[in-house]
Amino acid sequence: MSAESDLDLAADPAQVARSILLDKLTGQPRTRAELADLLAEREIPDEVADEVLDRFTEVGLIDDAAFANAWVESRHRGRGLGKRALAQELRRRGVDDELARDALDELDPDQEEATARELVRKKLRSMRSLERQVAMRRLLGLLARKGYPGGLAMTVIKQELDASDEELPLLNDSGLELE
């Protein structure tokens, strides 16, 4: 950029705001709240920021509902996160509670259970030498950190522990394999 174009940008805060938003949106989708914070950090006047953000929303460059839906899908499949953890992440990113709820409602309960099961099965492979109670406690912690409700977590863990005991028994409290 030349010194002359820098002066043009400095003279027109709306142009500066548009440039900042376009730059940020080329890397990945962002929420309106994230972009508003960025404009505030760059000292763009609030009324100019609101006007530019409204225009970007109007033309579809900022869409918090689409962002929330994509975020839920991506983070559930990629990281195995449950609804509670996803809701916290969306809140931190400034997504409106109603939009977040709508996106989370799209997550199929059967898919959430299947993902929890897969997480438990994967972790169980490395828990063969542990006592059943220790394994259960660790698995509950895993699913709690991932945002799964306690009832679902306990049901899935008990079922998977019972199923895995038939294949490769865990140790009981005495350190002997369960028969």
Protein backbone atom coordinates (compact mmCIF):
# COMPACT_ATOMS: atom_id res chain seq x y z
CA MET A 1 0.00 0.00 0.00
CA SER A 2 1.22 3.47 -0.77
CA ALA A 3 1.26 6.37 1.69
CA GLU A 4 -1.51 8.01 -0.33
CA SER A 5 -3.89 5.03 0.06
CA ASP A 6 -3.07 4.89 3.80
CA LEU A 7 -4.25 8.49 4.06
CA ASP A 8 -7.47 7.62 2.21
CA LEU A 9 -8.17 4.83 4.67
CA ALA A 10 -7.43 7.03 7.65
CA ALA A 11 -9.80 9.67 6.30
CA ASP A 12 -12.68 7.21 5.81
CA PRO A 13 -13.33 5.01 8.89
CA ALA A 14 -16.06 3.10 7.02
CA GLN A 15 -13.53 2.04 4.39
CA VAL A 16 -11.10 1.02 7.13
CA ALA A 17 -13.86 -1.01 8.81
CA ARG A 18 -14.78 -2.72 5.52
CA SER A 19 -11.14 -3.61 4.87
CA ILE A 20 -10.72 -5.04 8.36
CA LEU A 21 -13.89 -7.14 8.06
CA LEU A 22 -13.07 -8.45 4.61
CA ASP A 23 -9.58 -9.38 5.78
CA LYS A 24 -10.92 -11.26 8.82
CA LEU A 25 -13.68 -13.01 6.92
CA THR A 26 -11.34 -14.40 4.24
CA GLY A 27 -9.64 -16.73 6.73
CA GLN A 28 -12.71 -18.25 8.36
CA PRO A 29 -16.29 -17.36 9.25
CA ARG A 30 -16.69 -15.11 12.27
CA THR A 31 -19.59 -14.01 14.41
CA ARG A 32 -20.89 -10.48 14.40
CA ALA A 33 -19.80 -10.09 18.04
CA GLU A 34 -16.21 -11.14 17.22
CA LEU A 35 -16.06 -8.68 14.35
CA ALA A 36 -17.59 -5.87 16.44
CA ASP A 37 -14.93 -6.47 19.11
CA LEU A 38 -12.22 -6.34 16.46
CA LEU A 39 -13.51 -3.04 15.09
CA ALA A 40 -13.66 -1.62 18.63
CA GLU A 41 -10.03 -2.69 19.20
CA ARG A 42 -9.08 -0.85 16.01
CA GLU A 43 -10.87 2.23 17.34
CA ILE A 44 -13.52 2.37 14.62
CA PRO A 45 -16.35 4.64 15.89
CA ASP A 46 -19.35 2.62 17.12
CA GLU A 47 -21.84 4.16 14.70
CA VAL A 48 -19.56 3.44 11.72
CA ALA A 49 -18.92 -0.11 12.96
CA ASP A 50 -22.65 -0.77 13.37
CA GLU A 51 -23.40 0.58 9.90
CA VAL A 52 -20.71 -1.56 8.24
CA LEU A 53 -21.65 -4.66 10.27
CA ASP A 54 -25.32 -4.17 9.34
CA ARG A 55 -24.40 -3.95 5.66
CA PHE A 56 -22.22 -7.07 5.82
CA THR A 57 -25.08 -8.91 7.58
CA GLU A 58 -27.57 -7.66 4.99
CA VAL A 59 -25.52 -9.03 2.08
CA GLY A 60 -24.89 -12.33 3.86
CA LEU A 61 -21.19 -11.99 4.65
CA ILE A 62 -21.98 -12.19 8.37
CA ASP A 63 -24.55 -14.85 9.33
CA ASP A 64 -24.48 -15.93 12.97
CA ALA A 65 -27.13 -18.63 12.42
CA ALA A 66 -25.11 -20.27 9.64
CA PHE A 67 -21.95 -19.87 11.71
CA ALA A 68 -23.60 -21.58 14.70
CA ASN A 69 -24.90 -24.47 12.59
CA ALA A 70 -21.52 -25.04 10.95
CA TRP A 71 -19.69 -24.71 14.28
CA VAL A 72 -21.93 -27.29 16.00
CA GLU A 73 -21.55 -29.74 13.13
CA SER A 74 -17.80 -29.29 12.84
CA ARG A 75 -16.94 -29.39 16.55
CA HIS A 76 -19.27 -32.31 17.27
CA ARG A 77 -17.86 -34.45 14.46
CA GLY A 78 -14.25 -33.29 14.75
CA ARG A 79 -13.78 -33.04 18.51
CA GLY A 80 -16.68 -35.14 19.78
CA LEU A 81 -18.14 -32.29 21.83
CA GLY A 82 -21.57 -32.62 23.44
CA LYS A 83 -24.29 -29.99 23.53
CA ARG A 84 -23.22 -28.35 26.79
CA ALA A 85 -19.64 -27.78 25.61
CA LEU A 86 -20.85 -26.56 22.23
CA ALA A 87 -23.25 -24.11 23.89
CA GLN A 88 -20.40 -22.69 25.98
CA GLU A 89 -18.19 -22.27 22.91
CA LEU A 90 -20.95 -20.51 20.97
CA ARG A 91 -21.62 -18.20 23.93
CA ARG A 92 -17.90 -17.34 24.14
CA ARG A 93 -17.93 -16.48 20.45
CA GLY A 94 -20.86 -14.11 20.95
CA VAL A 95 -23.63 -16.12 19.29
CA ASP A 96 -27.11 -15.15 20.49
CA ASP A 97 -28.60 -17.76 22.87
CA GLU A 98 -31.62 -18.36 20.65
CA LEU A 99 -29.46 -18.93 17.55
CA ALA A 100 -27.21 -21.25 19.57
CA ARG A 101 -30.24 -23.19 20.83
CA ASP A 102 -31.56 -23.56 17.28
CA ALA A 103 -28.18 -24.86 16.07
CA LEU A 104 -27.90 -27.29 18.99
CA ASP A 105 -31.43 -28.57 18.35
CA GLU A 106 -30.20 -29.68 14.92
CA LEU A 107 -27.80 -32.11 16.62
CA ASP A 108 -29.54 -35.48 16.56
CA PRO A 109 -29.71 -37.13 20.04
CA ASP A 110 -28.88 -40.49 18.44
CA GLN A 111 -25.78 -38.97 16.85
CA GLU A 112 -24.76 -37.45 20.19
CA GLU A 113 -25.09 -40.86 21.86
CA ALA A 114 -23.19 -42.57 19.04
CA THR A 115 -20.37 -40.03 19.36
CA ALA A 116 -20.21 -40.56 23.14
CA ARG A 117 -20.05 -44.32 22.57
CA GLU A 118 -17.22 -43.95 20.08
CA LEU A 119 -15.26 -41.76 22.51
CA VAL A 120 -15.72 -44.36 25.28
CA ARG A 121 -14.75 -47.29 23.02
CA LYS A 122 -11.65 -45.49 21.84
CA LYS A 123 -10.57 -44.64 25.39
CA LEU A 124 -11.35 -48.13 26.69
CA ARG A 125 -8.66 -49.61 24.46
CA SER A 126 -6.01 -48.02 26.66
CA MET A 127 -7.70 -48.92 29.96
CA ARG A 128 -7.35 -52.72 30.06
CA SER A 129 -5.09 -52.70 33.12
CA LEU A 130 -7.42 -50.52 35.20
CA GLU A 131 -9.99 -51.57 37.75
CA ARG A 132 -13.58 -51.16 36.59
CA GLN A 133 -14.34 -48.31 39.03
CA VAL A 134 -11.22 -46.39 38.01
CA ALA A 135 -12.08 -46.84 34.33
CA MET A 136 -15.66 -45.71 34.97
CA ARG A 137 -14.50 -42.59 36.84
CA ARG A 138 -12.04 -41.64 34.09
CA LEU A 139 -14.59 -42.20 31.35
CA LEU A 140 -17.16 -40.09 33.21
CA GLY A 141 -14.58 -37.32 33.47
CA LEU A 142 -13.84 -37.57 29.76
CA LEU A 143 -17.48 -37.27 28.74
CA ALA A 144 -18.14 -34.49 31.28
CA ARG A 145 -15.26 -32.45 29.85
CA LYS A 146 -16.67 -33.01 26.37
CA GLY A 147 -20.05 -31.64 27.49
CA TYR A 148 -22.21 -34.77 27.68
CA PRO A 149 -25.05 -34.97 30.23
CA GLY A 150 -24.42 -37.22 33.23
CA GLY A 151 -27.33 -39.60 32.58
CA LEU A 152 -26.30 -40.25 28.99
CA ALA A 153 -22.65 -40.61 30.01
CA MET A 154 -23.41 -43.15 32.75
CA THR A 155 -25.69 -45.22 30.51
CA VAL A 156 -23.19 -45.33 27.65
CA ILE A 157 -20.23 -46.11 29.93
CA LYS A 158 -22.01 -48.96 31.75
CA GLN A 159 -23.14 -50.50 28.46
CA GLU A 160 -19.70 -50.21 26.89
CA LEU A 161 -17.94 -51.55 30.00
CA ASP A 162 -20.30 -54.53 30.08
CA ALA A 163 -19.77 -55.16 26.36
CA SER A 164 -16.00 -54.86 26.66
CA ASP A 165 -15.91 -57.19 29.70
CA GLU A 166 -17.17 -59.96 27.45
CA GLU A 167 -14.28 -59.40 25.03
CA LEU A 168 -11.43 -58.40 27.33
CA PRO A 169 -12.32 -58.32 31.03
CA LEU A 170 -11.21 -55.39 33.16
CA LEU A 171 -9.67 -56.12 36.55
CA ASN A 172 -11.97 -56.23 39.55
CA ASP A 173 -11.09 -54.54 42.85
CA SER A 174 -8.90 -57.49 43.91
CA GLY A 175 -6.76 -57.16 40.81
CA LEU A 176 -8.02 -60.46 39.40
CA GLU A 177 -9.88 -60.73 36.15
CA LEU A 178 -13.64 -60.93 36.51
CA GLU A 179 -15.03 -64.31 35.53
